[in-house]
Amino acid sequence: MSPFLRADSQDIREVLADGAVQVLTKRGADGVNVAALARWMGITRQALSERLWDADGPRSRIIRLTVATFGERWLGWTAAALLSDPPVPALPAGPEEAHGVRVWIALAELARGEDAVGKPDPLGVVGRVRRDERDDLRHRLADWLRAYPADDDVDELLALAEGLRAALVAPSPTVSLDAARRILVRRLDAIRQATPAAHPPRSA
């Protein structure tokens, strides 16, 4: 089962996010609108519009809710990966995870488009999700190193992971999953060697 979908949930936020993901996948960012989402949900456009009333319009609320809800799923996926030893940042290991990475990249671009027309809330959520992912990475590295890593090391590791994720889900991937993981492991080893007072990881 995909870590990025909640097919069994009855929570309206989860249902809307799943619908928006499906519409985004099939129709692209421009296709995310009330009519398309209503068709996917099997209800009338009017009924969905009433449920999603917003001063900026129902489409804006769809985008805000989807970015926020999918962002929570994203953080669950990235945090779970960091439980490994060494704490290698999450990489898409199969089609469902690759699809989730593509969706998050697309949602971030959609949020930037909203920001460009004076609707900054979705982009603010994207920024918060990234900060939370960075905080999770920093704390997990500190536990693994038994010393706090330098801020630059955390930033560089996260940026490297983001670039590798994008490369892995590109139409013509330029790196394999195994190679991407080796790149991150080498970076983690370099961080450990450069961190003052760092110790080998605790034994399990």
C-alpha atoms as a PDB file:
ATOM      1  CA  MET A   1       0.000   0.000   0.000  1.00  0.00           C
ATOM      2  CA  SER A   2       1.251   3.468  -0.859  1.00  0.00           C
ATOM      3  CA  PRO A   3       2.463   5.550   2.107  1.00  0.00           C
ATOM      4  CA  PHE A   4       1.021   8.565   0.308  1.00  0.00           C
ATOM      5  CA  LEU A   5      -2.648   7.547  -0.074  1.00  0.00           C
ATOM      6  CA  ARG A   6      -5.423   6.966   2.464  1.00  0.00           C
ATOM      7  CA  ALA A   7      -8.000   5.045   0.466  1.00  0.00           C
ATOM      8  CA  ASP A   8      -9.850   3.742   3.542  1.00  0.00           C
ATOM      9  CA  SER A   9     -10.117   7.066   5.368  1.00  0.00           C
ATOM     10  CA  GLN A  10     -13.463   8.838   5.786  1.00  0.00           C
ATOM     11  CA  ASP A  11     -11.809  12.070   6.938  1.00  0.00           C
ATOM     12  CA  ILE A  12     -12.792  14.788   4.467  1.00  0.00           C
ATOM     13  CA  ARG A  13      -9.244  16.174   4.403  1.00  0.00           C
ATOM     14  CA  GLU A  14      -7.828  12.767   3.495  1.00  0.00           C
ATOM     15  CA  VAL A  15     -10.521  12.129   0.876  1.00  0.00           C
ATOM     16  CA  LEU A  16      -9.945  15.524  -0.727  1.00  0.00           C
ATOM     17  CA  ALA A  17      -6.182  15.022  -0.739  1.00  0.00           C
ATOM     18  CA  ASP A  18      -6.499  11.586  -2.364  1.00  0.00           C
ATOM     19  CA  GLY A  19      -8.849  13.031  -4.975  1.00  0.00           C
ATOM     20  CA  ALA A  20      -6.579  15.960  -5.715  1.00  0.00           C
ATOM     21  CA  VAL A  21      -3.611  13.603  -6.083  1.00  0.00           C
ATOM     22  CA  GLN A  22      -5.534  11.474  -8.579  1.00  0.00           C
ATOM     23  CA  VAL A  23      -6.661  14.532 -10.555  1.00  0.00           C
ATOM     24  CA  LEU A  24      -3.164  16.038 -10.479  1.00  0.00           C
ATOM     25  CA  THR A  25      -1.697  12.780 -11.766  1.00  0.00           C
ATOM     26  CA  LYS A  26      -4.150  12.465 -14.655  1.00  0.00           C
ATOM     27  CA  ARG A  27      -4.716  16.102 -15.642  1.00  0.00           C
ATOM     28  CA  GLY A  28      -1.745  18.078 -14.333  1.00  0.00           C
ATOM     29  CA  ALA A  29      -1.748  21.151 -12.110  1.00  0.00           C
ATOM     30  CA  ASP A  30      -4.184  23.081 -14.319  1.00  0.00           C
ATOM     31  CA  GLY A  31      -6.692  20.270 -13.980  1.00  0.00           C
ATOM     32  CA  VAL A  32      -7.006  20.581 -10.202  1.00  0.00           C
ATOM     33  CA  ASN A  33     -10.403  22.254  -9.881  1.00  0.00           C
ATOM     34  CA  VAL A  34     -13.765  21.768  -8.225  1.00  0.00           C
ATOM     35  CA  ALA A  35     -15.421  20.152 -11.237  1.00  0.00           C
ATOM     36  CA  ALA A  36     -12.715  17.494 -11.681  1.00  0.00           C
ATOM     37  CA  LEU A  37     -12.574  16.715  -7.969  1.00  0.00           C
ATOM     38  CA  ALA A  38     -16.375  16.503  -7.722  1.00  0.00           C
ATOM     39  CA  ARG A  39     -16.419  14.004 -10.596  1.00  0.00           C
ATOM     40  CA  TRP A  40     -13.777  11.895  -8.869  1.00  0.00           C
ATOM     41  CA  MET A  41     -15.775  11.966  -5.599  1.00  0.00           C
ATOM     42  CA  GLY A  42     -19.065  11.198  -7.341  1.00  0.00           C
ATOM     43  CA  ILE A  43     -20.852  14.313  -6.074  1.00  0.00           C
ATOM     44  CA  THR A  44     -22.095  17.499  -7.701  1.00  0.00           C
ATOM     45  CA  ARG A  45     -19.885  20.501  -8.223  1.00  0.00           C
ATOM     46  CA  GLN A  46     -22.321  22.625  -6.221  1.00  0.00           C
ATOM     47  CA  ALA A  47     -22.221  20.263  -3.252  1.00  0.00           C
ATOM     48  CA  LEU A  48     -18.427  20.300  -3.192  1.00  0.00           C
ATOM     49  CA  SER A  49     -18.268  24.086  -3.675  1.00  0.00           C
ATOM     50  CA  GLU A  50     -20.537  24.591  -0.671  1.00  0.00           C
ATOM     51  CA  ARG A  51     -18.326  22.345   1.408  1.00  0.00           C
ATOM     52  CA  LEU A  52     -15.192  24.156   0.323  1.00  0.00           C
ATOM     53  CA  TRP A  53     -16.396  27.745   0.522  1.00  0.00           C
ATOM     54  CA  ASP A  54     -13.443  30.101   0.843  1.00  0.00           C
ATOM     55  CA  ALA A  55     -12.911  33.820   0.331  1.00  0.00           C
ATOM     56  CA  ASP A  56     -10.256  33.015  -2.295  1.00  0.00           C
ATOM     57  CA  GLY A  57     -12.489  30.446  -3.991  1.00  0.00           C
ATOM     58  CA  PRO A  58     -12.863  26.665  -3.578  1.00  0.00           C
ATOM     59  CA  ARG A  59      -9.853  25.838  -5.782  1.00  0.00           C
ATOM     60  CA  SER A  60      -7.567  27.743  -3.428  1.00  0.00           C
ATOM     61  CA  ARG A  61      -8.918  25.805  -0.490  1.00  0.00           C
ATOM     62  CA  ILE A  62      -8.442  22.510  -2.343  1.00  0.00           C
ATOM     63  CA  ILE A  63      -4.810  23.406  -2.942  1.00  0.00           C
ATOM     64  CA  ARG A  64      -4.226  24.490   0.675  1.00  0.00           C
ATOM     65  CA  LEU A  65      -5.847  21.367   2.113  1.00  0.00           C
ATOM     66  CA  THR A  66      -4.038  19.063  -0.295  1.00  0.00           C
ATOM     67  CA  VAL A  67      -0.616  20.581   0.334  1.00  0.00           C
ATOM     68  CA  ALA A  68      -1.128  20.452   4.108  1.00  0.00           C
ATOM     69  CA  THR A  69      -2.537  16.914   4.193  1.00  0.00           C
ATOM     70  CA  PHE A  70      -0.048  15.456   1.724  1.00  0.00           C
ATOM     71  CA  GLY A  71       2.723  17.248   3.593  1.00  0.00           C
ATOM     72  CA  GLU A  72       1.818  15.297   6.735  1.00  0.00           C
ATOM     73  CA  ARG A  73       2.056  12.070   4.778  1.00  0.00           C
ATOM     74  CA  TRP A  74       5.400  13.181   3.358  1.00  0.00           C
ATOM     75  CA  LEU A  75       6.802  13.762   6.837  1.00  0.00           C
ATOM     76  CA  GLY A  76       5.637  10.324   7.945  1.00  0.00           C
ATOM     77  CA  TRP A  77       7.500   8.766   5.003  1.00  0.00           C
ATOM     78  CA  THR A  78      10.714  10.723   5.525  1.00  0.00           C
ATOM     79  CA  ALA A  79      10.739  10.184   9.307  1.00  0.00           C
ATOM     80  CA  ALA A  80      10.289   6.407   8.945  1.00  0.00           C
ATOM     81  CA  ALA A  81      13.348   6.185   6.668  1.00  0.00           C
ATOM     82  CA  LEU A  82      15.536   7.887   9.272  1.00  0.00           C
ATOM     83  CA  LEU A  83      15.049   4.997  11.690  1.00  0.00           C
ATOM     84  CA  SER A  84      17.622   3.046   9.672  1.00  0.00           C
ATOM     85  CA  ASP A  85      21.270   2.746  10.693  1.00  0.00           C
ATOM     86  CA  PRO A  86      22.882   4.806   9.293  1.00  0.00           C
ATOM     87  CA  PRO A  87      19.983   7.284   9.043  1.00  0.00           C
ATOM     88  CA  VAL A  88      19.788   7.520   5.252  1.00  0.00           C
ATOM     89  CA  PRO A  89      17.169  10.091   4.138  1.00  0.00           C
ATOM     90  CA  ALA A  90      14.151   8.649   2.343  1.00  0.00           C
ATOM     91  CA  LEU A  91      14.529   7.616  -1.286  1.00  0.00           C
ATOM     92  CA  PRO A  92      11.711   6.258  -3.477  1.00  0.00           C
ATOM     93  CA  ALA A  93      12.088   2.478  -3.405  1.00  0.00           C
ATOM     94  CA  GLY A  94       9.296   1.505  -5.793  1.00  0.00           C
ATOM     95  CA  PRO A  95       6.588   2.827  -8.134  1.00  0.00           C
ATOM     96  CA  GLU A  96       4.235   3.954  -5.363  1.00  0.00           C
ATOM     97  CA  GLU A  97       6.935   5.889  -3.521  1.00  0.00           C
ATOM     98  CA  ALA A  98       8.229   7.340  -6.791  1.00  0.00           C
ATOM     99  CA  HIS A  99       4.707   8.515  -7.570  1.00  0.00           C
ATOM    100  CA  GLY A 100       4.499  10.137  -4.134  1.00  0.00           C
ATOM    101  CA  VAL A 101       7.743  12.021  -4.728  1.00  0.00           C
ATOM    102  CA  ARG A 102       6.488  13.263  -8.101  1.00  0.00           C
ATOM    103  CA  VAL A 103       3.250  14.439  -6.500  1.00  0.00           C
ATOM    104  CA  TRP A 104       5.072  16.345  -3.750  1.00  0.00           C
ATOM    105  CA  ILE A 105       7.319  18.038  -6.319  1.00  0.00           C
ATOM    106  CA  ALA A 106       4.233  18.960  -8.359  1.00  0.00           C
ATOM    107  CA  LEU A 107       2.411  20.289  -5.291  1.00  0.00           C
ATOM    108  CA  ALA A 108       5.401  22.467  -4.411  1.00  0.00           C
ATOM    109  CA  GLU A 109       5.313  23.937  -7.917  1.00  0.00           C
ATOM    110  CA  LEU A 110       1.557  24.447  -7.656  1.00  0.00           C
ATOM    111  CA  ALA A 111       2.109  26.267  -4.353  1.00  0.00           C
ATOM    112  CA  ARG A 112       4.676  28.537  -6.016  1.00  0.00           C
ATOM    113  CA  GLY A 113       2.117  29.348  -8.682  1.00  0.00           C
ATOM    114  CA  GLU A 114      -0.416  30.299  -6.030  1.00  0.00           C
ATOM    115  CA  ASP A 115       2.176  32.482  -4.326  1.00  0.00           C
ATOM    116  CA  ALA A 116       2.839  34.289  -7.614  1.00  0.00           C
ATOM    117  CA  VAL A 117      -0.809  35.406  -7.749  1.00  0.00           C
ATOM    118  CA  GLY A 118      -0.897  36.645  -4.171  1.00  0.00           C
ATOM    119  CA  LYS A 119      -1.964  33.472  -2.355  1.00  0.00           C
ATOM    120  CA  PRO A 120       1.049  32.565  -0.194  1.00  0.00           C
ATOM    121  CA  ASP A 121      -0.510  30.047   2.220  1.00  0.00           C
ATOM    122  CA  PRO A 122       0.271  26.821   0.289  1.00  0.00           C
ATOM    123  CA  LEU A 123       3.901  27.828  -0.235  1.00  0.00           C
ATOM    124  CA  GLY A 124       4.133  28.599   3.464  1.00  0.00           C
ATOM    125  CA  VAL A 125       3.001  25.047   4.199  1.00  0.00           C
ATOM    126  CA  VAL A 126       5.623  23.644   1.817  1.00  0.00           C
ATOM    127  CA  GLY A 127       8.264  25.645   3.669  1.00  0.00           C
ATOM    128  CA  ARG A 128       7.035  24.401   7.032  1.00  0.00           C
ATOM    129  CA  VAL A 129       7.106  20.784   5.870  1.00  0.00           C
ATOM    130  CA  ARG A 130      10.678  21.177   4.677  1.00  0.00           C
ATOM    131  CA  ARG A 131      11.702  22.762   7.993  1.00  0.00           C
ATOM    132  CA  ASP A 132      10.073  19.888   9.873  1.00  0.00           C
ATOM    133  CA  GLU A 133      11.879  17.367   7.674  1.00  0.00           C
ATOM    134  CA  ARG A 134      15.148  19.186   8.348  1.00  0.00           C
ATOM    135  CA  ASP A 135      14.494  19.167  12.109  1.00  0.00           C
ATOM    136  CA  ASP A 136      13.767  15.426  12.036  1.00  0.00           C
ATOM    137  CA  LEU A 137      16.998  14.845  10.126  1.00  0.00           C
ATOM    138  CA  ARG A 138      19.045  16.986  12.509  1.00  0.00           C
ATOM    139  CA  HIS A 139      17.709  15.222  15.615  1.00  0.00           C
ATOM    140  CA  ARG A 140      18.206  11.774  14.126  1.00  0.00           C
ATOM    141  CA  LEU A 141      21.756  12.653  13.097  1.00  0.00           C
ATOM    142  CA  ALA A 142      22.462  13.911  16.609  1.00  0.00           C
ATOM    143  CA  ASP A 143      21.267  10.617  18.043  1.00  0.00           C
ATOM    144  CA  TRP A 144      23.342   8.626  15.557  1.00  0.00           C
ATOM    145  CA  LEU A 145      26.478  10.739  16.021  1.00  0.00           C
ATOM    146  CA  ARG A 146      25.937  11.271  19.755  1.00  0.00           C
ATOM    147  CA  ALA A 147      26.810  14.892  18.972  1.00  0.00           C
ATOM    148  CA  TYR A 148      24.964  17.672  17.178  1.00  0.00           C
ATOM    149  CA  PRO A 149      25.927  17.993  13.514  1.00  0.00           C
ATOM    150  CA  ALA A 150      26.870  21.323  11.937  1.00  0.00           C
ATOM    151  CA  ASP A 151      23.940  23.163  10.380  1.00  0.00           C
ATOM    152  CA  ASP A 152      25.695  23.193   7.014  1.00  0.00           C
ATOM    153  CA  ASP A 153      26.034  19.417   7.121  1.00  0.00           C
ATOM    154  CA  VAL A 154      22.305  18.993   7.752  1.00  0.00           C
ATOM    155  CA  ASP A 155      21.408  21.431   4.968  1.00  0.00           C
ATOM    156  CA  GLU A 156      23.771  19.787   2.492  1.00  0.00           C
ATOM    157  CA  LEU A 157      22.533  16.275   3.294  1.00  0.00           C
ATOM    158  CA  LEU A 158      18.899  17.305   2.854  1.00  0.00           C
ATOM    159  CA  ALA A 159      19.642  19.138  -0.397  1.00  0.00           C
ATOM    160  CA  LEU A 160      21.543  16.096  -1.663  1.00  0.00           C
ATOM    161  CA  ALA A 161      18.614  13.822  -0.799  1.00  0.00           C
ATOM    162  CA  GLU A 162      16.176  16.153  -2.555  1.00  0.00           C
ATOM    163  CA  GLY A 163      18.304  16.200  -5.684  1.00  0.00           C
ATOM    164  CA  LEU A 164      18.637  12.415  -5.704  1.00  0.00           C
ATOM    165  CA  ARG A 165      14.891  11.967  -5.256  1.00  0.00           C
ATOM    166  CA  ALA A 166      14.250  14.219  -8.244  1.00  0.00           C
ATOM    167  CA  ALA A 167      16.824  12.307 -10.296  1.00  0.00           C
ATOM    168  CA  LEU A 168      15.271   8.953  -9.386  1.00  0.00           C
ATOM    169  CA  VAL A 169      11.752   9.970 -10.464  1.00  0.00           C
ATOM    170  CA  ALA A 170      12.772  11.798 -13.643  1.00  0.00           C
ATOM    171  CA  PRO A 171      11.423  10.428 -16.948  1.00  0.00           C
ATOM    172  CA  SER A 172      14.929   9.143 -17.680  1.00  0.00           C
ATOM    173  CA  PRO A 173      16.560   8.518 -14.267  1.00  0.00           C
ATOM    174  CA  THR A 174      20.214   9.489 -14.142  1.00  0.00           C
ATOM    175  CA  VAL A 175      21.037   7.400 -11.064  1.00  0.00           C
ATOM    176  CA  SER A 176      19.957   4.030  -9.670  1.00  0.00           C
ATOM    177  CA  LEU A 177      18.440   3.568  -6.231  1.00  0.00           C
ATOM    178  CA  ASP A 178      21.488   1.627  -5.020  1.00  0.00           C
ATOM    179  CA  ALA A 179      23.854   4.311  -6.307  1.00  0.00           C
ATOM    180  CA  ALA A 180      21.786   7.051  -4.699  1.00  0.00           C
ATOM    181  CA  ARG A 181      21.867   5.258  -1.379  1.00  0.00           C
ATOM    182  CA  ARG A 182      25.649   4.808  -1.605  1.00  0.00           C
ATOM    183  CA  ILE A 183      26.043   8.536  -2.255  1.00  0.00           C
ATOM    184  CA  LEU A 184      24.070   9.371   0.877  1.00  0.00           C
ATOM    185  CA  VAL A 185      25.945   6.805   2.976  1.00  0.00           C
ATOM    186  CA  ARG A 186      29.277   8.299   1.883  1.00  0.00           C
ATOM    187  CA  ARG A 187      28.017  11.747   2.861  1.00  0.00           C
ATOM    188  CA  LEU A 188      26.919  10.441   6.253  1.00  0.00           C
ATOM    189  CA  ASP A 189      30.348   8.894   6.800  1.00  0.00           C
ATOM    190  CA  ALA A 190      31.980  12.218   5.927  1.00  0.00           C
ATOM    191  CA  ILE A 191      29.712  14.036   8.383  1.00  0.00           C
ATOM    192  CA  ARG A 192      30.600  11.599  11.146  1.00  0.00           C
ATOM    193  CA  GLN A 193      34.315  12.010  10.508  1.00  0.00           C
ATOM    194  CA  ALA A 194      34.005  15.814  10.509  1.00  0.00           C
ATOM    195  CA  THR A 195      31.806  16.111  13.606  1.00  0.00           C
ATOM    196  CA  PRO A 196      33.721  16.948  16.795  1.00  0.00           C
ATOM    197  CA  ALA A 197      33.172  14.448  19.598  1.00  0.00           C
ATOM    198  CA  ALA A 198      31.212  12.133  17.313  1.00  0.00           C
ATOM    199  CA  HIS A 199      31.216   8.490  18.289  1.00  0.00           C
ATOM    200  CA  PRO A 200      30.385   5.313  16.377  1.00  0.00           C
ATOM    201  CA  PRO A 201      26.645   4.599  16.327  1.00  0.00           C
ATOM    202  CA  ARG A 202      25.253   2.870  19.394  1.00  0.00           C
ATOM    203  CA  SER A 203      24.915  -0.862  19.008  1.00  0.00           C
ATOM    204  CA  ALA A 204      21.373  -2.139  18.597  1.00  0.00           C
END
